[in-house]
Amino acid sequence: MKVTAIIPEDLIAEVKKYSKGKNITDSLKIALSEWIAIKHISDLNDSIAKKPLEFDNGITASKIRSINRK
């Protein structure tokens, strides 16, 4: 999709610097993808904060390790 946007040059320069994209389009794709990933993690954290994970009684780290090693 083509989009025309007015974005300050200093912001574009900073995005290019940190994303290390080969051009502006690639840099913006990287930056937006990373931002979306961060938002997904933030939403998950909020969800877990509202309803924390609950573990069954008798579940220990050593039992989980033994299951994972099978």
PDB file of N, CA and C in Angstrom:
ATOM      1  N   MET A   1       0.839  -1.158   0.000  1.00  0.00           N
ATOM      2  CA  MET A   1       0.000   0.000   0.000  1.00  0.00           C
ATOM      3  C   MET A   1       0.897   1.237   0.000  1.00  0.00           C
ATOM      4  N   LYS A   2       0.532   2.202  -0.794  1.00  0.00           N
ATOM      5  CA  LYS A   2       1.269   3.462  -0.801  1.00  0.00           C
ATOM      6  C   LYS A   2       0.588   4.428   0.143  1.00  0.00           C
ATOM      7  N   VAL A   3       1.407   5.142   0.908  1.00  0.00           N
ATOM      8  CA  VAL A   3       0.897   6.105   1.875  1.00  0.00           C
ATOM      9  C   VAL A   3       1.753   7.352   1.796  1.00  0.00           C
ATOM     10  N   THR A   4       1.122   8.491   1.832  1.00  0.00           N
ATOM     11  CA  THR A   4       1.847   9.754   1.912  1.00  0.00           C
ATOM     12  C   THR A   4       1.671  10.263   3.332  1.00  0.00           C
ATOM     13  N   ALA A   5       2.782  10.543   3.982  1.00  0.00           N
ATOM     14  CA  ALA A   5       2.716  11.029   5.358  1.00  0.00           C
ATOM     15  C   ALA A   5       3.755  12.121   5.559  1.00  0.00           C
ATOM     16  N   ILE A   6       3.406  13.086   6.344  1.00  0.00           N
ATOM     17  CA  ILE A   6       4.340  14.159   6.668  1.00  0.00           C
ATOM     18  C   ILE A   6       4.946  13.818   8.022  1.00  0.00           C
ATOM     19  N   ILE A   7       6.222  13.404   7.989  1.00  0.00           N
ATOM     20  CA  ILE A   7       6.930  12.967   9.191  1.00  0.00           C
ATOM     21  C   ILE A   7       8.194  13.804   9.313  1.00  0.00           C
ATOM     22  N   PRO A   8       8.464  14.339  10.486  1.00  0.00           N
ATOM     23  CA  PRO A   8       9.661  15.161  10.656  1.00  0.00           C
ATOM     24  C   PRO A   8      10.942  14.393  10.282  1.00  0.00           C
ATOM     25  N   GLU A   9      11.862  15.102   9.642  1.00  0.00           N
ATOM     26  CA  GLU A   9      13.106  14.470   9.190  1.00  0.00           C
ATOM     27  C   GLU A   9      13.914  13.880  10.339  1.00  0.00           C
ATOM     28  N   ASP A  10      13.919  14.559  11.483  1.00  0.00           N
ATOM     29  CA  ASP A  10      14.697  14.045  12.609  1.00  0.00           C
ATOM     30  C   ASP A  10      14.134  12.718  13.118  1.00  0.00           C
ATOM     31  N   LEU A  11      12.819  12.557  13.055  1.00  0.00           N
ATOM     32  CA  LEU A  11      12.195  11.296  13.461  1.00  0.00           C
ATOM     33  C   LEU A  11      12.551  10.182  12.473  1.00  0.00           C
ATOM     34  N   ILE A  12      12.494  10.488  11.192  1.00  0.00           N
ATOM     35  CA  ILE A  12      12.872   9.511  10.163  1.00  0.00           C
ATOM     36  C   ILE A  12      14.330   9.112  10.326  1.00  0.00           C
ATOM     37  N   ALA A  13      15.192  10.080  10.584  1.00  0.00           N
ATOM     38  CA  ALA A  13      16.618   9.794  10.759  1.00  0.00           C
ATOM     39  C   ALA A  13      16.843   8.864  11.950  1.00  0.00           C
ATOM     40  N   GLU A  14      16.113   9.111  13.028  1.00  0.00           N
ATOM     41  CA  GLU A  14      16.265   8.268  14.217  1.00  0.00           C
ATOM     42  C   GLU A  14      15.744   6.857  13.958  1.00  0.00           C
ATOM     43  N   VAL A  15      14.631   6.742  13.250  1.00  0.00           N
ATOM     44  CA  VAL A  15      14.084   5.424  12.906  1.00  0.00           C
ATOM     45  C   VAL A  15      15.079   4.667  12.038  1.00  0.00           C
ATOM     46  N   LYS A  16      15.652   5.339  11.051  1.00  0.00           N
ATOM     47  CA  LYS A  16      16.645   4.694  10.177  1.00  0.00           C
ATOM     48  C   LYS A  16      17.869   4.243  10.980  1.00  0.00           C
ATOM     49  N   LYS A  17      18.283   5.070  11.929  1.00  0.00           N
ATOM     50  CA  LYS A  17      19.461   4.757  12.749  1.00  0.00           C
ATOM     51  C   LYS A  17      19.238   3.489  13.577  1.00  0.00           C
ATOM     52  N   TYR A  18      18.111   3.405  14.256  1.00  0.00           N
ATOM     53  CA  TYR A  18      17.876   2.280  15.154  1.00  0.00           C
ATOM     54  C   TYR A  18      17.384   1.022  14.445  1.00  0.00           C
ATOM     55  N   SER A  19      16.627   1.180  13.368  1.00  0.00           N
ATOM     56  CA  SER A  19      16.093  -0.003  12.690  1.00  0.00           C
ATOM     57  C   SER A  19      17.114  -0.634  11.753  1.00  0.00           C
ATOM     58  N   LYS A  20      18.079   0.165  11.299  1.00  0.00           N
ATOM     59  CA  LYS A  20      19.111  -0.294  10.366  1.00  0.00           C
ATOM     60  C   LYS A  20      18.497  -0.856   9.076  1.00  0.00           C
ATOM     61  N   GLY A  21      17.384  -0.283   8.655  1.00  0.00           N
ATOM     62  CA  GLY A  21      16.767  -0.673   7.392  1.00  0.00           C
ATOM     63  C   GLY A  21      17.589  -0.154   6.221  1.00  0.00           C
ATOM     64  N   LYS A  22      17.407  -0.788   5.059  1.00  0.00           N
ATOM     65  CA  LYS A  22      18.211  -0.376   3.899  1.00  0.00           C
ATOM     66  C   LYS A  22      17.690   0.911   3.273  1.00  0.00           C
ATOM     67  N   ASN A  23      16.426   1.284   3.556  1.00  0.00           N
ATOM     68  CA  ASN A  23      15.865   2.541   3.062  1.00  0.00           C
ATOM     69  C   ASN A  23      14.756   2.978   4.025  1.00  0.00           C
ATOM     70  N   ILE A  24      14.112   4.094   3.698  1.00  0.00           N
ATOM     71  CA  ILE A  24      13.084   4.618   4.606  1.00  0.00           C
ATOM     72  C   ILE A  24      11.926   3.637   4.744  1.00  0.00           C
ATOM     73  N   THR A  25      11.474   3.073   3.629  1.00  0.00           N
ATOM     74  CA  THR A  25      10.355   2.139   3.682  1.00  0.00           C
ATOM     75  C   THR A  25      10.678   0.942   4.555  1.00  0.00           C
ATOM     76  N   ASP A  26      11.845   0.353   4.351  1.00  0.00           N
ATOM     77  CA  ASP A  26      12.257  -0.805   5.143  1.00  0.00           C
ATOM     78  C   ASP A  26      12.381  -0.429   6.617  1.00  0.00           C
ATOM     79  N   SER A  27      12.945   0.731   6.888  1.00  0.00           N
ATOM     80  CA  SER A  27      13.095   1.199   8.268  1.00  0.00           C
ATOM     81  C   SER A  27      11.743   1.379   8.946  1.00  0.00           C
ATOM     82  N   LEU A  28      10.782   1.946   8.233  1.00  0.00           N
ATOM     83  CA  LEU A  28       9.448   2.132   8.809  1.00  0.00           C
ATOM     84  C   LEU A  28       8.739   0.805   9.031  1.00  0.00           C
ATOM     85  N   LYS A  29       8.916  -0.142   8.112  1.00  0.00           N
ATOM     86  CA  LYS A  29       8.321  -1.470   8.300  1.00  0.00           C
ATOM     87  C   LYS A  29       8.870  -2.133   9.559  1.00  0.00           C
ATOM     88  N   ILE A  30      10.184  -2.065   9.729  1.00  0.00           N
ATOM     89  CA  ILE A  30      10.814  -2.663  10.910  1.00  0.00           C
ATOM     90  C   ILE A  30      10.304  -1.990  12.185  1.00  0.00           C
ATOM     91  N   ALA A  31      10.298  -0.655  12.180  1.00  0.00           N
ATOM     92  CA  ALA A  31       9.876   0.084  13.372  1.00  0.00           C
ATOM     93  C   ALA A  31       8.416  -0.209  13.724  1.00  0.00           C
ATOM     94  N   LEU A  32       7.545  -0.229  12.727  1.00  0.00           N
ATOM     95  CA  LEU A  32       6.132  -0.490  12.996  1.00  0.00           C
ATOM     96  C   LEU A  32       5.907  -1.927  13.453  1.00  0.00           C
ATOM     97  N   SER A  33       6.616  -2.872  12.862  1.00  0.00           N
ATOM     98  CA  SER A  33       6.482  -4.273  13.284  1.00  0.00           C
ATOM     99  C   SER A  33       6.918  -4.459  14.723  1.00  0.00           C
ATOM    100  N   GLU A  34       8.034  -3.831  15.083  1.00  0.00           N
ATOM    101  CA  GLU A  34       8.525  -3.935  16.466  1.00  0.00           C
ATOM    102  C   GLU A  34       7.560  -3.257  17.433  1.00  0.00           C
ATOM    103  N   TRP A  35       6.992  -2.127  17.038  1.00  0.00           N
ATOM    104  CA  TRP A  35       6.043  -1.424  17.893  1.00  0.00           C
ATOM    105  C   TRP A  35       4.806  -2.293  18.132  1.00  0.00           C
ATOM    106  N   ILE A  36       4.316  -2.932  17.072  1.00  0.00           N
ATOM    107  CA  ILE A  36       3.152  -3.816  17.212  1.00  0.00           C
ATOM    108  C   ILE A  36       3.468  -4.988  18.135  1.00  0.00           C
ATOM    109  N   ALA A  37       4.660  -5.568  17.995  1.00  0.00           N
ATOM    110  CA  ALA A  37       5.054  -6.677  18.873  1.00  0.00           C
ATOM    111  C   ALA A  37       5.079  -6.229  20.333  1.00  0.00           C
ATOM    112  N   ILE A  38       5.588  -5.036  20.585  1.00  0.00           N
ATOM    113  CA  ILE A  38       5.626  -4.502  21.949  1.00  0.00           C
ATOM    114  C   ILE A  38       4.211  -4.296  22.485  1.00  0.00           C
ATOM    115  N   LYS A  39       3.307  -3.807  21.645  1.00  0.00           N
ATOM    116  CA  LYS A  39       1.922  -3.610  22.070  1.00  0.00           C
ATOM    117  C   LYS A  39       1.251  -4.948  22.396  1.00  0.00           C
ATOM    118  N   HIS A  40       1.546  -5.997  21.622  1.00  0.00           N
ATOM    119  CA  HIS A  40       0.989  -7.324  21.914  1.00  0.00           C
ATOM    120  C   HIS A  40       1.473  -7.813  23.279  1.00  0.00           C
ATOM    121  N   ILE A  41       2.755  -7.618  23.560  1.00  0.00           N
ATOM    122  CA  ILE A  41       3.308  -8.024  24.854  1.00  0.00           C
ATOM    123  C   ILE A  41       2.672  -7.212  25.981  1.00  0.00           C
ATOM    124  N   SER A  42       2.497  -5.918  25.754  1.00  0.00           N
ATOM    125  CA  SER A  42       1.865  -5.059  26.753  1.00  0.00           C
ATOM    126  C   SER A  42       0.433  -5.505  27.038  1.00  0.00           C
ATOM    127  N   ASP A  43      -0.312  -5.838  25.977  1.00  0.00           N
ATOM    128  CA  ASP A  43      -1.686  -6.327  26.159  1.00  0.00           C
ATOM    129  C   ASP A  43      -1.704  -7.636  26.938  1.00  0.00           C
ATOM    130  N   LEU A  44      -0.768  -8.527  26.637  1.00  0.00           N
ATOM    131  CA  LEU A  44      -0.680  -9.794  27.361  1.00  0.00           C
ATOM    132  C   LEU A  44      -0.362  -9.553  28.837  1.00  0.00           C
ATOM    133  N   ASN A  45       0.575  -8.646  29.102  1.00  0.00           N
ATOM    134  CA  ASN A  45       0.909  -8.310  30.492  1.00  0.00           C
ATOM    135  C   ASN A  45      -0.306  -7.763  31.234  1.00  0.00           C
ATOM    136  N   ASP A  46      -1.078  -6.899  30.574  1.00  0.00           N
ATOM    137  CA  ASP A  46      -2.283  -6.347  31.200  1.00  0.00           C
ATOM    138  C   ASP A  46      -3.294  -7.456  31.492  1.00  0.00           C
ATOM    139  N   SER A  47      -3.433  -8.371  30.547  1.00  0.00           N
ATOM    140  CA  SER A  47      -4.366  -9.485  30.714  1.00  0.00           C
ATOM    141  C   SER A  47      -3.965 -10.369  31.894  1.00  0.00           C
ATOM    142  N   ILE A  48      -2.668 -10.657  32.003  1.00  0.00           N
ATOM    143  CA  ILE A  48      -2.185 -11.499  33.102  1.00  0.00           C
ATOM    144  C   ILE A  48      -2.300 -10.760  34.435  1.00  0.00           C
ATOM    145  N   ALA A  49      -2.106  -9.441  34.410  1.00  0.00           N
ATOM    146  CA  ALA A  49      -2.233  -8.665  35.648  1.00  0.00           C
ATOM    147  C   ALA A  49      -3.673  -8.711  36.161  1.00  0.00           C
ATOM    148  N   LYS A  50      -4.641  -8.709  35.239  1.00  0.00           N
ATOM    149  CA  LYS A  50      -6.044  -8.759  35.638  1.00  0.00           C
ATOM    150  C   LYS A  50      -6.441 -10.148  36.133  1.00  0.00           C
ATOM    151  N   LYS A  51      -5.913 -11.177  35.476  1.00  0.00           N
ATOM    152  CA  LYS A  51      -6.236 -12.550  35.862  1.00  0.00           C
ATOM    153  C   LYS A  51      -4.936 -13.355  35.862  1.00  0.00           C
ATOM    154  N   PRO A  52      -4.222 -13.358  36.996  1.00  0.00           N
ATOM    155  CA  PRO A  52      -2.930 -14.047  37.073  1.00  0.00           C
ATOM    156  C   PRO A  52      -3.043 -15.538  36.783  1.00  0.00           C
ATOM    157  N   LEU A  53      -1.963 -16.104  36.311  1.00  0.00           N
ATOM    158  CA  LEU A  53      -1.908 -17.536  36.060  1.00  0.00           C
ATOM    159  C   LEU A  53      -2.035 -18.282  37.387  1.00  0.00           C
ATOM    160  N   GLU A  54      -2.734 -19.396  37.352  1.00  0.00           N
ATOM    161  CA  GLU A  54      -2.888 -20.217  38.544  1.00  0.00           C
ATOM    162  C   GLU A  54      -2.345 -21.607  38.239  1.00  0.00           C
ATOM    163  N   PHE A  55      -1.614 -22.154  39.179  1.00  0.00           N
ATOM    164  CA  PHE A  55      -1.030 -23.474  39.009  1.00  0.00           C
ATOM    165  C   PHE A  55      -1.706 -24.456  39.946  1.00  0.00           C
ATOM    166  N   ASP A  56      -1.825 -25.683  39.500  1.00  0.00           N
ATOM    167  CA  ASP A  56      -2.399 -26.724  40.339  1.00  0.00           C
ATOM    168  C   ASP A  56      -1.491 -26.998  41.528  1.00  0.00           C
ATOM    169  N   ASN A  57      -2.092 -27.448  42.612  1.00  0.00           N
ATOM    170  CA  ASN A  57      -1.290 -27.821  43.775  1.00  0.00           C
ATOM    171  C   ASN A  57      -0.394 -28.999  43.413  1.00  0.00           C
ATOM    172  N   GLY A  58       0.786 -29.030  43.948  1.00  0.00           N
ATOM    173  CA  GLY A  58       1.701 -30.135  43.704  1.00  0.00           C
ATOM    174  C   GLY A  58       2.591 -29.935  42.486  1.00  0.00           C
ATOM    175  N   ILE A  59       2.400 -28.860  41.742  1.00  0.00           N
ATOM    176  CA  ILE A  59       3.258 -28.588  40.589  1.00  0.00           C
ATOM    177  C   ILE A  59       4.517 -27.894  41.094  1.00  0.00           C
ATOM    178  N   THR A  60       5.658 -28.487  40.783  1.00  0.00           N
ATOM    179  CA  THR A  60       6.929 -27.902  41.193  1.00  0.00           C
ATOM    180  C   THR A  60       7.809 -27.725  39.964  1.00  0.00           C
ATOM    181  N   ALA A  61       8.834 -26.910  40.118  1.00  0.00           N
ATOM    182  CA  ALA A  61       9.768 -26.674  39.024  1.00  0.00           C
ATOM    183  C   ALA A  61      10.448 -27.966  38.597  1.00  0.00           C
ATOM    184  N   SER A  62      10.796 -28.823  39.559  1.00  0.00           N
ATOM    185  CA  SER A  62      11.475 -30.073  39.204  1.00  0.00           C
ATOM    186  C   SER A  62      10.557 -31.004  38.413  1.00  0.00           C
ATOM    187  N   LYS A  63       9.259 -31.026  38.755  1.00  0.00           N
ATOM    188  CA  LYS A  63       8.310 -31.852  37.985  1.00  0.00           C
ATOM    189  C   LYS A  63       8.178 -31.333  36.551  1.00  0.00           C
ATOM    190  N   ILE A  64       8.110 -30.041  36.400  1.00  0.00           N
ATOM    191  CA  ILE A  64       7.997 -29.448  35.064  1.00  0.00           C
ATOM    192  C   ILE A  64       9.248 -29.746  34.249  1.00  0.00           C
ATOM    193  N   ARG A  65      10.434 -29.633  34.867  1.00  0.00           N
ATOM    194  CA  ARG A  65      11.689 -29.932  34.164  1.00  0.00           C
ATOM    195  C   ARG A  65      11.714 -31.370  33.702  1.00  0.00           C
ATOM    196  N   SER A  66      11.263 -32.292  34.562  1.00  0.00           N
ATOM    197  CA  SER A  66      11.286 -33.716  34.183  1.00  0.00           C
ATOM    198  C   SER A  66      10.319 -33.988  33.036  1.00  0.00           C
ATOM    199  N   ILE A  67       9.185 -33.307  33.015  1.00  0.00           N
ATOM    200  CA  ILE A  67       8.228 -33.452  31.907  1.00  0.00           C
ATOM    201  C   ILE A  67       8.829 -32.905  30.619  1.00  0.00           C
ATOM    202  N   ASN A  68       9.469 -31.751  30.702  1.00  0.00           N
ATOM    203  CA  ASN A  68      10.041 -31.126  29.508  1.00  0.00           C
ATOM    204  C   ASN A  68      11.211 -31.933  28.936  1.00  0.00           C
ATOM    205  N   ARG A  69      11.885 -32.700  29.747  1.00  0.00           N
ATOM    206  CA  ARG A  69      13.058 -33.458  29.290  1.00  0.00           C
ATOM    207  C   ARG A  69      12.686 -34.777  28.642  1.00  0.00           C
ATOM    208  N   LYS A  70      11.415 -35.154  28.692  1.00  0.00           N
ATOM    209  CA  LYS A  70      10.979 -36.429  28.097  1.00  0.00           C
ATOM    210  C   LYS A  70      10.904 -36.311  26.612  1.00  0.00           C
TER     211      LYS A  70
END
